[in-house]
């Protein structure tokens, strides 16, 4: 899949998949990576971690090697495991 970068308040980077139903965001200070799903016209954060744990760039490169899931929630299975 590939990503389309948009402007969104509160984010240094906000990119959606071609369908516009999944997004990767990098917040301003403190820098956190958000994975968001679009539900009924509203974005909701479904995963959140510090950029130091796993970079947004590495995530986007990894996702670039796979097709966008037909079900947006399918992207959750492609994410790195939560750091503890």
Protein backbone atom coordinates (compact mmCIF):
# COMPACT_ATOMS: atom_id res chain seq x y z
CA UNK A 1 0.00 0.00 0.00
CA UNK A 2 1.08 3.58 -0.30
CA UNK A 3 0.24 6.72 1.65
CA UNK A 4 -1.04 10.16 0.75
CA UNK A 5 0.23 12.92 3.02
CA UNK A 6 -2.28 15.51 4.21
CA UNK A 7 -2.27 18.40 6.67
CA UNK A 8 -4.01 17.78 9.99
CA UNK A 9 -3.81 19.94 13.10
CA UNK A 10 -1.70 18.43 15.88
CA UNK A 11 0.35 16.26 13.52
CA UNK A 12 3.76 16.83 11.95
CA UNK A 13 2.90 14.04 9.52
CA UNK A 14 -0.53 12.68 8.68
CA UNK A 15 -0.83 10.18 5.84
CA UNK A 16 -3.76 8.06 4.71
CA UNK A 17 -4.01 4.93 2.63
CA UNK A 18 -5.52 5.29 -0.85
CA UNK A 19 -8.99 4.34 0.46
CA UNK A 20 -8.73 7.10 3.08
CA UNK A 21 -9.86 4.72 5.82
CA UNK A 22 -6.50 4.14 7.58
CA UNK A 23 -3.96 6.77 8.59
CA UNK A 24 -0.52 6.97 10.16
CA UNK A 25 0.18 10.13 12.12
CA UNK A 26 3.20 11.56 13.90
CA UNK A 27 2.15 13.96 16.60
CA UNK A 28 3.91 17.19 17.39
CA UNK A 29 5.75 17.32 20.72
CA UNK A 30 5.84 14.83 22.31
CA UNK A 31 6.33 12.76 19.20
CA UNK A 32 4.01 9.76 19.18
CA UNK A 33 2.98 7.50 16.34
CA UNK A 34 -0.77 7.08 15.90
CA UNK A 35 -2.54 4.54 13.76
CA UNK A 36 -6.03 5.81 13.07
CA UNK A 37 -9.13 4.33 11.50
CA UNK A 38 -11.92 6.36 9.93
CA UNK A 39 -15.31 5.49 11.41
CA UNK A 40 -18.46 7.39 10.46
CA UNK A 41 -16.44 10.36 9.25
CA UNK A 42 -14.30 10.60 12.41
CA UNK A 43 -10.71 9.49 12.94
CA UNK A 44 -10.06 7.38 16.02
CA UNK A 45 -6.65 6.36 17.33
CA UNK A 46 -6.44 2.56 17.52
CA UNK A 47 -2.72 2.27 18.37
CA UNK A 48 -0.36 4.79 19.94
CA UNK A 49 3.34 4.56 20.86
CA UNK A 50 6.42 6.74 21.30
CA UNK A 51 8.34 7.24 18.07
CA UNK A 52 11.46 5.91 19.84
CA UNK A 53 9.78 2.51 20.25
CA UNK A 54 9.14 2.03 16.53
CA UNK A 55 9.51 4.76 13.94
CA UNK A 56 6.66 5.84 11.71
CA UNK A 57 9.05 5.70 8.75
CA UNK A 58 9.90 2.03 9.37
CA UNK A 59 6.20 1.25 9.76
CA UNK A 60 5.25 2.98 6.51
CA UNK A 61 8.08 1.26 4.62
CA UNK A 62 6.96 -2.14 5.94
CA UNK A 63 3.33 -1.47 5.03
CA UNK A 64 4.46 -0.39 1.57
CA UNK A 65 5.30 -4.04 0.85
CA UNK A 66 1.72 -5.28 1.35
CA UNK A 67 -1.67 -4.54 -0.17
CA UNK A 68 -4.12 -2.41 1.75
CA UNK A 69 -6.53 -4.73 3.59
CA UNK A 70 -10.13 -4.62 2.36
CA UNK A 71 -11.23 -4.27 6.00
CA UNK A 72 -9.44 -1.26 7.54
CA UNK A 73 -9.13 -3.06 10.89
CA UNK A 74 -6.97 -5.63 9.08
CA UNK A 75 -4.08 -3.17 9.28
CA UNK A 76 -3.86 -3.89 13.02
CA UNK A 77 -2.51 -7.36 12.27
CA UNK A 78 0.31 -5.75 10.27
CA UNK A 79 1.55 -3.51 13.09
CA UNK A 80 4.55 -4.20 15.30
CA UNK A 81 3.72 -5.70 18.70
CA UNK A 82 3.22 -3.21 21.52
CA UNK A 83 6.41 -2.45 23.47
CA UNK A 84 6.26 -3.08 27.21
